[in-house]
Amino acid sequence: MSTTPPIRVLVVDDDQAMRQLLVDYLSGHGLSVDSAATGAQAQSAVQKSVYDMVLLDLGLPDIDGAELARRWRAESSMSIICVTGRNEEADMVMGLELGADDYITKPFSPREVLARMRAVLRRTATPAAPAAPVTRSKHPRAYRFAGWDLNLNTRRLTAPDQRQVSLTNAEFSLLVAFLGAPGRIVSREHLLESTRAFDEVYDRAIDVQILRLRRKLEADPKNPTLLRTERGAGYFLDAEIETLWG
C-alpha cells in the first residue's frame, strides 16, 4: 500500500456551485481539497496549512486575486493556477507575469482542470534537465537576420541601429530555437523544451514570452512581421538567417 500523502489543493472561488463542483471532482480523483469563497478565507487557509497547489479565481469579492497571487508567489513555492471568466490577452499576461503556473478561463470542464493540474505538478515535481547538446564538428558563434545580430558566446543581441538589446535566459533560448530552424515552423512543444532548463517558461506562458520577444524585435508588436504566428501549428521567424560558424 502506498504511503505517499495526497496532493493538497486549495480551491478559491466565490461561485458556490463552481467551488463545490471542483471540490467534489478533484476529491473523487484522490486529491485532498479545501476551499475558500473569499480572499480573506484563502489567505487564512494558506497561513494555517501547506498546499501543493491553489486554483485561484482572480475575480474575488474582497481581495484582488492578482494581489493574492503576487503575495503567495513571493512567500510560497506552491503552484498557482489562475481561474477567471476574463478572456482578454492582457489578463492572461498579467496572471502569468505574476508567477502563476497556468491560466484557465471559464467556462471549463473539471476534467480539463485536472489535466492542467497534473501537467503543472509533473513540471514542478523535479527540476528539468537541460537538453543534451547537439554534436557538431563546428558550433555556430552568431546569427544574423533582418539586420539583427545575435552573438551566442556573449548572448549579445544587436539591433539594426546598433543598439544593444538585453534578453532574459528564456528569451535568448526562444530566439536561438527560431534561428536554428530557418524557414520552418517551430511548435509550442519544441519551444517549451528549448526553454525548460531555465524553469521560466511553461505551457501557457510560451505565448507571454513570445509577446515579450516581439516587443524587443518588432517595430509594431501588435502587428508582427518578423516573429509570425502559424495558427494551430506554432511560430516561425520570417527572415533570411545567416549562420556564422567558428
Protein backbone atom coordinates (compact mmCIF):
# COMPACT_ATOMS: atom_id res chain seq x y z
CA MET A 1 0.00 0.00 0.00
CA SER A 2 1.33 3.44 -0.97
CA THR A 3 2.17 5.80 1.89
CA THR A 4 2.55 8.83 -0.38
CA PRO A 5 0.39 11.64 1.02
CA PRO A 6 -2.29 13.00 -1.31
CA ILE A 7 -1.74 16.23 -3.18
CA ARG A 8 -3.21 19.12 -1.18
CA VAL A 9 -5.20 21.66 -3.17
CA LEU A 10 -6.99 24.87 -2.22
CA VAL A 11 -9.89 25.93 -4.46
CA VAL A 12 -10.63 29.66 -4.21
CA ASP A 13 -13.82 30.80 -5.95
CA ASP A 14 -16.76 32.93 -4.84
CA ASP A 15 -19.16 30.92 -7.02
CA GLN A 16 -20.51 28.28 -4.65
CA ALA A 17 -21.67 25.90 -7.39
CA MET A 18 -18.34 26.06 -9.22
CA ARG A 19 -16.40 25.70 -5.99
CA GLN A 20 -18.36 22.62 -4.94
CA LEU A 21 -18.10 21.08 -8.42
CA LEU A 22 -14.31 21.33 -8.31
CA VAL A 23 -14.06 20.10 -4.73
CA ASP A 24 -16.19 17.03 -5.48
CA TYR A 25 -14.46 16.20 -8.75
CA LEU A 26 -10.89 16.63 -7.50
CA SER A 27 -11.61 14.79 -4.25
CA GLY A 28 -13.01 11.94 -6.32
CA HIS A 29 -9.65 11.66 -8.07
CA GLY A 30 -7.60 11.23 -4.91
CA LEU A 31 -6.69 14.82 -4.09
CA SER A 32 -7.07 16.41 -0.66
CA VAL A 33 -9.13 19.54 -1.33
CA ASP A 34 -10.03 22.56 0.79
CA SER A 35 -12.00 25.55 -0.44
CA ALA A 36 -12.44 29.25 0.21
CA ALA A 37 -15.09 31.68 -1.01
CA THR A 38 -13.18 34.91 -0.37
CA GLY A 39 -9.65 36.21 -0.48
CA ALA A 40 -9.59 36.58 3.29
CA GLN A 41 -10.59 32.94 3.76
CA ALA A 42 -7.97 31.86 1.26
CA GLN A 43 -5.22 33.85 2.95
CA SER A 44 -6.18 32.36 6.31
CA ALA A 45 -6.11 28.84 4.87
CA VAL A 46 -2.66 29.35 3.32
CA GLN A 47 -1.30 30.66 6.62
CA LYS A 48 -2.62 27.64 8.53
CA SER A 49 -1.86 24.83 6.07
CA VAL A 50 0.67 23.83 3.43
CA TYR A 51 -0.75 23.32 -0.06
CA ASP A 52 0.83 21.87 -3.17
CA MET A 53 -1.41 23.92 -5.43
CA VAL A 54 -4.08 26.61 -5.40
CA LEU A 55 -6.79 27.19 -8.02
CA LEU A 56 -7.31 30.92 -7.70
CA ASP A 57 -10.26 32.85 -9.11
CA LEU A 58 -8.96 36.33 -9.94
CA GLY A 59 -12.39 37.94 -9.56
CA LEU A 60 -12.89 37.67 -5.80
CA PRO A 61 -15.32 40.00 -3.99
CA ASP A 62 -12.99 41.27 -1.26
CA ILE A 63 -9.35 41.00 -2.34
CA ASP A 64 -7.96 41.24 -5.86
CA GLY A 65 -6.95 37.72 -6.86
CA ALA A 66 -3.90 39.14 -8.65
CA GLU A 67 -2.69 40.62 -5.38
CA LEU A 68 -3.05 37.22 -3.67
CA ALA A 69 -1.11 35.54 -6.48
CA ARG A 70 1.67 38.11 -6.16
CA ARG A 71 1.82 37.68 -2.39
CA TRP A 72 1.82 33.88 -2.47
CA ARG A 73 4.43 33.68 -5.17
CA ALA A 74 6.76 35.79 -3.03
CA GLU A 75 6.12 33.75 0.10
CA SER A 76 5.48 30.19 -1.08
CA SER A 77 6.61 27.57 -3.56
CA MET A 78 3.12 26.16 -4.10
CA SER A 79 1.86 26.01 -7.67
CA ILE A 80 -0.75 28.58 -8.71
CA ILE A 81 -3.33 28.21 -11.47
CA CYS A 82 -5.37 31.34 -12.13
CA VAL A 83 -9.03 30.75 -12.92
CA THR A 84 -11.15 33.56 -14.33
CA GLY A 85 -14.08 34.46 -16.52
CA ARG A 86 -11.94 37.05 -18.30
CA ASN A 87 -10.65 36.08 -21.71
CA GLU A 88 -8.50 39.07 -22.58
CA GLU A 89 -4.86 38.66 -23.59
CA ALA A 90 -3.85 41.33 -21.06
CA ASP A 91 -5.39 39.31 -18.22
CA MET A 92 -3.57 36.16 -19.32
CA VAL A 93 -0.29 38.05 -19.47
CA MET A 94 -0.90 39.63 -16.08
CA GLY A 95 -1.67 36.32 -14.40
CA LEU A 96 1.40 34.59 -15.78
CA GLU A 97 3.71 37.52 -15.13
CA LEU A 98 2.61 37.43 -11.50
CA GLY A 99 4.15 33.98 -11.34
CA ALA A 100 1.14 31.75 -11.99
CA ASP A 101 1.97 28.34 -13.47
CA ASP A 102 -1.07 28.24 -15.72
CA TYR A 103 -4.22 30.17 -16.61
CA ILE A 104 -7.71 28.77 -17.24
CA THR A 105 -10.71 30.75 -18.49
CA LYS A 106 -14.32 29.94 -17.72
CA PRO A 107 -16.29 28.04 -18.83
CA PHE A 108 -14.21 24.90 -18.46
CA SER A 109 -14.72 21.25 -17.61
CA PRO A 110 -13.41 19.75 -14.34
CA ARG A 111 -11.60 17.19 -16.48
CA GLU A 112 -9.64 19.97 -18.18
CA VAL A 113 -8.76 21.49 -14.81
CA LEU A 114 -7.46 18.15 -13.52
CA ALA A 115 -5.38 17.62 -16.66
CA ARG A 116 -3.85 21.08 -16.32
CA MET A 117 -3.12 20.47 -12.64
CA ARG A 118 -1.38 17.19 -13.38
CA ALA A 119 0.73 18.84 -16.09
CA VAL A 120 1.84 21.59 -13.69
CA LEU A 121 2.60 19.12 -10.93
CA ARG A 122 4.71 16.99 -13.29
CA ARG A 123 6.74 20.04 -14.26
CA THR A 124 7.34 21.16 -10.69
CA ALA A 125 7.95 17.72 -9.16
CA THR A 126 11.62 17.56 -10.18
CA PRO A 127 13.99 20.01 -11.84
CA ALA A 128 14.08 19.57 -15.61
CA ALA A 129 17.40 18.54 -17.07
CA PRO A 130 18.94 20.71 -19.77
CA ALA A 131 18.60 19.34 -23.27
CA ALA A 132 21.62 17.41 -24.47
CA PRO A 133 23.88 19.49 -26.71
CA VAL A 134 23.94 18.74 -30.41
CA THR A 135 27.30 17.33 -31.50
CA ARG A 136 28.82 19.26 -34.40
CA SER A 137 32.26 19.50 -35.88
CA LYS A 138 31.81 23.27 -35.59
CA HIS A 139 29.44 25.31 -33.49
CA PRO A 140 27.62 28.43 -34.61
CA ARG A 141 29.00 31.52 -32.93
CA ALA A 142 26.45 34.05 -34.18
CA TYR A 143 23.32 34.54 -36.25
CA ARG A 144 22.35 37.47 -38.47
CA PHE A 145 18.76 38.11 -39.51
CA ALA A 146 16.83 41.15 -40.77
CA GLY A 147 19.66 43.46 -39.73
CA TRP A 148 19.91 41.96 -36.25
CA ASP A 149 22.99 40.19 -34.88
CA LEU A 150 22.94 37.62 -32.06
CA ASN A 151 26.32 36.60 -30.61
CA LEU A 152 25.93 33.20 -28.97
CA ASN A 153 29.12 33.47 -26.92
CA THR A 154 28.28 36.79 -25.28
CA ARG A 155 24.50 36.43 -25.65
CA ARG A 156 24.52 39.96 -27.01
CA LEU A 157 21.71 40.99 -29.34
CA THR A 158 22.50 43.97 -31.54
CA ALA A 159 19.70 45.85 -33.30
CA PRO A 160 19.95 47.18 -36.88
CA ASP A 161 20.67 50.65 -35.44
CA GLN A 162 23.48 49.12 -33.30
CA ARG A 163 21.56 49.33 -30.03
CA GLN A 164 22.35 46.58 -27.54
CA VAL A 165 19.14 44.76 -26.54
CA SER A 166 19.13 42.71 -23.33
CA LEU A 167 17.50 39.27 -23.29
CA THR A 168 16.38 37.06 -20.42
CA ASN A 169 17.53 33.44 -20.44
CA ALA A 170 14.13 32.34 -21.73
CA GLU A 171 14.04 34.99 -24.47
CA PHE A 172 17.56 34.06 -25.58
CA SER A 173 16.63 30.36 -25.76
CA LEU A 174 13.45 31.09 -27.71
CA LEU A 175 15.32 33.22 -30.23
CA VAL A 176 18.02 30.57 -30.67
CA ALA A 177 15.30 27.96 -31.26
CA PHE A 178 13.88 30.07 -34.10
CA LEU A 179 17.29 30.87 -35.59
CA GLY A 180 18.24 27.19 -35.52
CA ALA A 181 15.18 26.31 -37.60
CA PRO A 182 15.42 28.59 -40.66
CA GLY A 183 12.30 28.59 -42.82
CA ARG A 184 10.48 26.17 -40.53
CA ILE A 185 7.51 26.48 -38.21
CA VAL A 186 8.54 25.81 -34.60
CA SER A 187 5.89 24.13 -32.46
CA ARG A 188 4.98 25.33 -28.99
CA GLU A 189 6.12 21.93 -27.66
CA HIS A 190 9.59 22.43 -29.14
CA LEU A 191 9.79 25.94 -27.72
CA LEU A 192 8.83 24.59 -24.30
CA GLU A 193 11.62 22.01 -24.46
CA SER A 194 14.10 24.65 -25.62
CA THR A 195 13.46 26.82 -22.58
CA ARG A 196 12.70 24.20 -19.94
CA ALA A 197 16.22 24.22 -18.49
CA PHE A 198 15.72 27.77 -17.20
CA ASP A 199 12.43 26.97 -15.41
CA GLU A 200 10.98 30.21 -16.77
CA VAL A 201 8.54 29.08 -19.42
CA TYR A 202 5.51 26.83 -19.02
CA ASP A 203 2.90 25.58 -21.47
CA ARG A 204 0.63 28.60 -21.34
CA ALA A 205 3.45 31.06 -20.69
CA ILE A 206 5.11 30.41 -24.06
CA ASP A 207 2.69 32.96 -25.52
CA VAL A 208 3.76 35.53 -22.93
CA GLN A 209 7.44 35.03 -23.75
CA ILE A 210 6.66 35.37 -27.46
CA LEU A 211 4.93 38.68 -26.72
CA ARG A 212 7.96 39.88 -24.75
CA LEU A 213 10.34 38.89 -27.54
CA ARG A 214 8.16 40.64 -30.11
CA ARG A 215 8.32 43.85 -28.08
CA LYS A 216 12.10 43.77 -28.48
CA LEU A 217 12.24 42.72 -32.14
CA GLU A 218 9.21 44.24 -33.81
CA ALA A 219 8.54 47.86 -34.80
CA ASP A 220 4.85 47.15 -34.09
CA PRO A 221 4.49 44.15 -31.73
CA LYS A 222 0.71 44.02 -32.26
CA ASN A 223 1.25 43.54 -36.00
CA PRO A 224 4.39 41.41 -36.16
CA THR A 225 6.20 40.99 -39.45
CA LEU A 226 9.25 39.12 -38.15
CA LEU A 227 8.09 36.69 -35.48
CA ARG A 228 4.92 35.31 -37.05
CA THR A 229 2.15 33.03 -35.79
CA GLU A 230 1.03 30.00 -37.77
CA ARG A 231 -2.32 29.22 -36.16
CA GLY A 232 -2.65 25.68 -34.91
CA ALA A 233 0.99 24.89 -35.68
CA GLY A 234 3.31 27.27 -33.83
CA TYR A 235 5.52 30.22 -34.74
CA PHE A 236 8.18 30.99 -37.32
CA LEU A 237 10.85 33.62 -37.90
CA ASP A 238 10.09 35.30 -41.23
CA ALA A 239 13.61 36.33 -42.23
CA GLU A 240 16.70 35.18 -44.08
CA ILE A 241 19.10 33.77 -41.50
CA GLU A 242 22.89 33.79 -41.84
CA THR A 243 24.80 31.44 -39.55
CA LEU A 244 28.36 32.36 -38.63
CA TRP A 245 30.47 29.35 -37.63
CA GLY A 246 33.61 29.11 -35.56
